[in-house]
Amino acid sequence: MTAIGTAELKRMFDAIAAAIEADKDRLCQLDGVIGDADHGIAMALGFNAARDALAAL
């Protein structure tokens, strides 16, 4: 089993948060077809919060 250190975890969540933020509008558009069109916003908020929490480590 490979261990992931704090620095790697921070880099991973930085990249994920940036990707979600970049595609937030597209995710909302896709969600709007069957839902309330807020999926991109919710994911961006969640991943930004996770990234910020990891930054405190």
PDB file of N, CA and C in Angstrom:
ATOM      1  N   MET A   1       0.845  -1.178   0.000  1.00  0.00           N
ATOM      2  CA  MET A   1       0.000   0.000   0.000  1.00  0.00           C
ATOM      3  C   MET A   1       0.894   1.246   0.000  1.00  0.00           C
ATOM      4  N   THR A   2       0.521   2.222  -0.788  1.00  0.00           N
ATOM      5  CA  THR A   2       1.277   3.467  -0.878  1.00  0.00           C
ATOM      6  C   THR A   2       0.642   4.523   0.015  1.00  0.00           C
ATOM      7  N   ALA A   3       1.459   5.179   0.799  1.00  0.00           N
ATOM      8  CA  ALA A   3       0.962   6.238   1.682  1.00  0.00           C
ATOM      9  C   ALA A   3       0.975   7.569   0.938  1.00  0.00           C
ATOM     10  N   ILE A   4       0.008   8.401   1.252  1.00  0.00           N
ATOM     11  CA  ILE A   4      -0.057   9.755   0.699  1.00  0.00           C
ATOM     12  C   ILE A   4       0.207  10.718   1.841  1.00  0.00           C
ATOM     13  N   GLY A   5       1.211  11.547   1.670  1.00  0.00           N
ATOM     14  CA  GLY A   5       1.559  12.516   2.703  1.00  0.00           C
ATOM     15  C   GLY A   5       0.694  13.763   2.621  1.00  0.00           C
ATOM     16  N   THR A   6       0.831  14.594   3.620  1.00  0.00           N
ATOM     17  CA  THR A   6       0.055  15.831   3.693  1.00  0.00           C
ATOM     18  C   THR A   6       0.299  16.723   2.490  1.00  0.00           C
ATOM     19  N   ALA A   7       1.540  16.860   2.075  1.00  0.00           N
ATOM     20  CA  ALA A   7       1.864  17.729   0.935  1.00  0.00           C
ATOM     21  C   ALA A   7       1.190  17.232  -0.342  1.00  0.00           C
ATOM     22  N   GLU A   8       1.218  15.907  -0.565  1.00  0.00           N
ATOM     23  CA  GLU A   8       0.571  15.346  -1.753  1.00  0.00           C
ATOM     24  C   GLU A   8      -0.938  15.541  -1.697  1.00  0.00           C
ATOM     25  N   LEU A   9      -1.512  15.336  -0.525  1.00  0.00           N
ATOM     26  CA  LEU A   9      -2.956  15.514  -0.360  1.00  0.00           C
ATOM     27  C   LEU A   9      -3.361  16.961  -0.629  1.00  0.00           C
ATOM     28  N   LYS A  10      -2.565  17.895  -0.139  1.00  0.00           N
ATOM     29  CA  LYS A  10      -2.840  19.313  -0.397  1.00  0.00           C
ATOM     30  C   LYS A  10      -2.790  19.616  -1.888  1.00  0.00           C
ATOM     31  N   ARG A  11      -1.773  19.096  -2.580  1.00  0.00           N
ATOM     32  CA  ARG A  11      -1.652  19.327  -4.031  1.00  0.00           C
ATOM     33  C   ARG A  11      -2.831  18.719  -4.778  1.00  0.00           C
ATOM     34  N   MET A  12      -3.257  17.529  -4.364  1.00  0.00           N
ATOM     35  CA  MET A  12      -4.394  16.882  -5.013  1.00  0.00           C
ATOM     36  C   MET A  12      -5.655  17.725  -4.870  1.00  0.00           C
ATOM     37  N   PHE A  13      -5.934  18.186  -3.658  1.00  0.00           N
ATOM     38  CA  PHE A  13      -7.148  18.973  -3.450  1.00  0.00           C
ATOM     39  C   PHE A  13      -7.047  20.363  -4.061  1.00  0.00           C
ATOM     40  N   ASP A  14      -5.851  20.921  -4.142  1.00  0.00           N
ATOM     41  CA  ASP A  14      -5.670  22.181  -4.869  1.00  0.00           C
ATOM     42  C   ASP A  14      -6.067  21.995  -6.331  1.00  0.00           C
ATOM     43  N   ALA A  15      -5.599  20.908  -6.935  1.00  0.00           N
ATOM     44  CA  ALA A  15      -5.892  20.637  -8.344  1.00  0.00           C
ATOM     45  C   ALA A  15      -7.373  20.346  -8.565  1.00  0.00           C
ATOM     46  N   ILE A  16      -7.966  19.558  -7.677  1.00  0.00           N
ATOM     47  CA  ILE A  16      -9.387  19.237  -7.810  1.00  0.00           C
ATOM     48  C   ILE A  16     -10.231  20.497  -7.652  1.00  0.00           C
ATOM     49  N   ALA A  17      -9.936  21.303  -6.642  1.00  0.00           N
ATOM     50  CA  ALA A  17     -10.697  22.535  -6.412  1.00  0.00           C
ATOM     51  C   ALA A  17     -10.584  23.468  -7.613  1.00  0.00           C
ATOM     52  N   ALA A  18      -9.396  23.563  -8.197  1.00  0.00           N
ATOM     53  CA  ALA A  18      -9.205  24.422  -9.371  1.00  0.00           C
ATOM     54  C   ALA A  18      -9.992  23.894 -10.569  1.00  0.00           C
ATOM     55  N   ALA A  19      -9.993  22.583 -10.765  1.00  0.00           N
ATOM     56  CA  ALA A  19     -10.728  21.991 -11.887  1.00  0.00           C
ATOM     57  C   ALA A  19     -12.232  22.189 -11.731  1.00  0.00           C
ATOM     58  N   ILE A  20     -12.738  21.985 -10.523  1.00  0.00           N
ATOM     59  CA  ILE A  20     -14.168  22.180 -10.269  1.00  0.00           C
ATOM     60  C   ILE A  20     -14.538  23.642 -10.486  1.00  0.00           C
ATOM     61  N   GLU A  21     -13.724  24.552  -9.983  1.00  0.00           N
ATOM     62  CA  GLU A  21     -13.989  25.988 -10.151  1.00  0.00           C
ATOM     63  C   GLU A  21     -14.005  26.360 -11.635  1.00  0.00           C
ATOM     64  N   ALA A  22     -13.073  25.806 -12.398  1.00  0.00           N
ATOM     65  CA  ALA A  22     -12.996  26.107 -13.830  1.00  0.00           C
ATOM     66  C   ALA A  22     -14.216  25.599 -14.595  1.00  0.00           C
ATOM     67  N   ASP A  23     -14.795  24.486 -14.146  1.00  0.00           N
ATOM     68  CA  ASP A  23     -15.940  23.886 -14.838  1.00  0.00           C
ATOM     69  C   ASP A  23     -17.255  24.073 -14.094  1.00  0.00           C
ATOM     70  N   LYS A  24     -17.277  24.983 -13.135  1.00  0.00           N
ATOM     71  CA  LYS A  24     -18.468  25.202 -12.307  1.00  0.00           C
ATOM     72  C   LYS A  24     -19.705  25.504 -13.154  1.00  0.00           C
ATOM     73  N   ASP A  25     -19.579  26.394 -14.122  1.00  0.00           N
ATOM     74  CA  ASP A  25     -20.729  26.761 -14.952  1.00  0.00           C
ATOM     75  C   ASP A  25     -21.236  25.578 -15.769  1.00  0.00           C
ATOM     76  N   ARG A  26     -20.321  24.785 -16.293  1.00  0.00           N
ATOM     77  CA  ARG A  26     -20.714  23.601 -17.076  1.00  0.00           C
ATOM     78  C   ARG A  26     -21.416  22.584 -16.187  1.00  0.00           C
ATOM     79  N   LEU A  27     -20.932  22.377 -14.982  1.00  0.00           N
ATOM     80  CA  LEU A  27     -21.586  21.453 -14.054  1.00  0.00           C
ATOM     81  C   LEU A  27     -22.990  21.931 -13.713  1.00  0.00           C
ATOM     82  N   CYS A  28     -23.150  23.230 -13.532  1.00  0.00           N
ATOM     83  CA  CYS A  28     -24.482  23.789 -13.263  1.00  0.00           C
ATOM     84  C   CYS A  28     -25.401  23.590 -14.464  1.00  0.00           C
ATOM     85  N   GLN A  29     -24.861  23.788 -15.659  1.00  0.00           N
ATOM     86  CA  GLN A  29     -25.643  23.607 -16.877  1.00  0.00           C
ATOM     87  C   GLN A  29     -26.124  22.160 -16.997  1.00  0.00           C
ATOM     88  N   LEU A  30     -25.227  21.217 -16.760  1.00  0.00           N
ATOM     89  CA  LEU A  30     -25.602  19.805 -16.816  1.00  0.00           C
ATOM     90  C   LEU A  30     -26.653  19.480 -15.764  1.00  0.00           C
ATOM     91  N   ASP A  31     -26.485  19.987 -14.567  1.00  0.00           N
ATOM     92  CA  ASP A  31     -27.430  19.742 -13.487  1.00  0.00           C
ATOM     93  C   ASP A  31     -28.787  20.366 -13.797  1.00  0.00           C
ATOM     94  N   GLY A  32     -28.792  21.469 -14.527  1.00  0.00           N
ATOM     95  CA  GLY A  32     -30.036  22.149 -14.853  1.00  0.00           C
ATOM     96  C   GLY A  32     -30.972  21.327 -15.715  1.00  0.00           C
ATOM     97  N   VAL A  33     -30.439  20.349 -16.422  1.00  0.00           N
ATOM     98  CA  VAL A  33     -31.269  19.498 -17.270  1.00  0.00           C
ATOM     99  C   VAL A  33     -32.212  18.652 -16.418  1.00  0.00           C
ATOM    100  N   ILE A  34     -31.747  18.207 -15.266  1.00  0.00           N
ATOM    101  CA  ILE A  34     -32.568  17.324 -14.426  1.00  0.00           C
ATOM    102  C   ILE A  34     -32.745  17.830 -12.998  1.00  0.00           C
ATOM    103  N   GLY A  35     -32.104  18.927 -12.672  1.00  0.00           N
ATOM    104  CA  GLY A  35     -32.148  19.387 -11.279  1.00  0.00           C
ATOM    105  C   GLY A  35     -32.296  20.887 -11.189  1.00  0.00           C
ATOM    106  N   ASP A  36     -31.712  21.435 -10.145  1.00  0.00           N
ATOM    107  CA  ASP A  36     -31.887  22.861  -9.858  1.00  0.00           C
ATOM    108  C   ASP A  36     -30.700  23.723 -10.279  1.00  0.00           C
ATOM    109  N   ALA A  37     -29.779  23.152 -11.032  1.00  0.00           N
ATOM    110  CA  ALA A  37     -28.659  23.879 -11.644  1.00  0.00           C
ATOM    111  C   ALA A  37     -27.684  24.497 -10.642  1.00  0.00           C
ATOM    112  N   ASP A  38     -27.522  23.841  -9.493  1.00  0.00           N
ATOM    113  CA  ASP A  38     -26.583  24.383  -8.503  1.00  0.00           C
ATOM    114  C   ASP A  38     -25.427  23.433  -8.182  1.00  0.00           C
ATOM    115  N   HIS A  39     -25.315  22.357  -8.926  1.00  0.00           N
ATOM    116  CA  HIS A  39     -24.311  21.332  -8.618  1.00  0.00           C
ATOM    117  C   HIS A  39     -22.888  21.886  -8.671  1.00  0.00           C
ATOM    118  N   GLY A  40     -22.577  22.668  -9.678  1.00  0.00           N
ATOM    119  CA  GLY A  40     -21.237  23.241  -9.800  1.00  0.00           C
ATOM    120  C   GLY A  40     -20.907  24.166  -8.649  1.00  0.00           C
ATOM    121  N   ILE A  41     -21.889  24.951  -8.237  1.00  0.00           N
ATOM    122  CA  ILE A  41     -21.692  25.871  -7.110  1.00  0.00           C
ATOM    123  C   ILE A  41     -21.424  25.083  -5.836  1.00  0.00           C
ATOM    124  N   ALA A  42     -22.247  24.062  -5.587  1.00  0.00           N
ATOM    125  CA  ALA A  42     -22.094  23.259  -4.373  1.00  0.00           C
ATOM    126  C   ALA A  42     -20.756  22.518  -4.356  1.00  0.00           C
ATOM    127  N   MET A  43     -20.368  21.961  -5.495  1.00  0.00           N
ATOM    128  CA  MET A  43     -19.084  21.246  -5.548  1.00  0.00           C
ATOM    129  C   MET A  43     -17.918  22.203  -5.348  1.00  0.00           C
ATOM    130  N   ALA A  44     -17.992  23.381  -5.955  1.00  0.00           N
ATOM    131  CA  ALA A  44     -16.915  24.365  -5.789  1.00  0.00           C
ATOM    132  C   ALA A  44     -16.798  24.786  -4.329  1.00  0.00           C
ATOM    133  N   LEU A  45     -17.920  25.043  -3.689  1.00  0.00           N
ATOM    134  CA  LEU A  45     -17.894  25.417  -2.269  1.00  0.00           C
ATOM    135  C   LEU A  45     -17.287  24.303  -1.421  1.00  0.00           C
ATOM    136  N   GLY A  46     -17.702  23.070  -1.678  1.00  0.00           N
ATOM    137  CA  GLY A  46     -17.213  21.934  -0.901  1.00  0.00           C
ATOM    138  C   GLY A  46     -15.725  21.680  -1.083  1.00  0.00           C
ATOM    139  N   PHE A  47     -15.261  21.678  -2.322  1.00  0.00           N
ATOM    140  CA  PHE A  47     -13.845  21.418  -2.562  1.00  0.00           C
ATOM    141  C   PHE A  47     -12.971  22.583  -2.132  1.00  0.00           C
ATOM    142  N   ASN A  48     -13.469  23.806  -2.241  1.00  0.00           N
ATOM    143  CA  ASN A  48     -12.705  24.950  -1.727  1.00  0.00           C
ATOM    144  C   ASN A  48     -12.588  24.871  -0.207  1.00  0.00           C
ATOM    145  N   ALA A  49     -13.658  24.443   0.466  1.00  0.00           N
ATOM    146  CA  ALA A  49     -13.616  24.295   1.922  1.00  0.00           C
ATOM    147  C   ALA A  49     -12.640  23.190   2.325  1.00  0.00           C
ATOM    148  N   ALA A  50     -12.654  22.078   1.592  1.00  0.00           N
ATOM    149  CA  ALA A  50     -11.718  20.986   1.882  1.00  0.00           C
ATOM    150  C   ALA A  50     -10.283  21.449   1.669  1.00  0.00           C
ATOM    151  N   ARG A  51     -10.040  22.165   0.579  1.00  0.00           N
ATOM    152  CA  ARG A  51      -8.701  22.697   0.295  1.00  0.00           C
ATOM    153  C   ARG A  51      -8.248  23.633   1.408  1.00  0.00           C
ATOM    154  N   ASP A  52      -9.145  24.515   1.853  1.00  0.00           N
ATOM    155  CA  ASP A  52      -8.798  25.459   2.916  1.00  0.00           C
ATOM    156  C   ASP A  52      -8.512  24.742   4.235  1.00  0.00           C
ATOM    157  N   ALA A  53      -9.279  23.700   4.530  1.00  0.00           N
ATOM    158  CA  ALA A  53      -9.047  22.935   5.757  1.00  0.00           C
ATOM    159  C   ALA A  53      -7.692  22.229   5.704  1.00  0.00           C
ATOM    160  N   LEU A  54      -7.352  21.681   4.555  1.00  0.00           N
ATOM    161  CA  LEU A  54      -6.053  21.016   4.412  1.00  0.00           C
ATOM    162  C   LEU A  54      -4.901  22.007   4.509  1.00  0.00           C
ATOM    163  N   ALA A  55      -5.115  23.223   4.058  1.00  0.00           N
ATOM    164  CA  ALA A  55      -4.059  24.236   4.123  1.00  0.00           C
ATOM    165  C   ALA A  55      -3.662  24.524   5.567  1.00  0.00           C
ATOM    166  N   ALA A  56      -4.579  24.290   6.497  1.00  0.00           N
ATOM    167  CA  ALA A  56      -4.304  24.547   7.908  1.00  0.00           C
ATOM    168  C   ALA A  56      -3.459  23.445   8.548  1.00  0.00           C
ATOM    169  N   LEU A  57      -3.265  22.346   7.844  1.00  0.00           N
ATOM    170  CA  LEU A  57      -2.472  21.237   8.407  1.00  0.00           C
ATOM    171  C   LEU A  57      -0.994  21.528   8.366  1.00  0.00           C
TER     172      LEU A  57
END
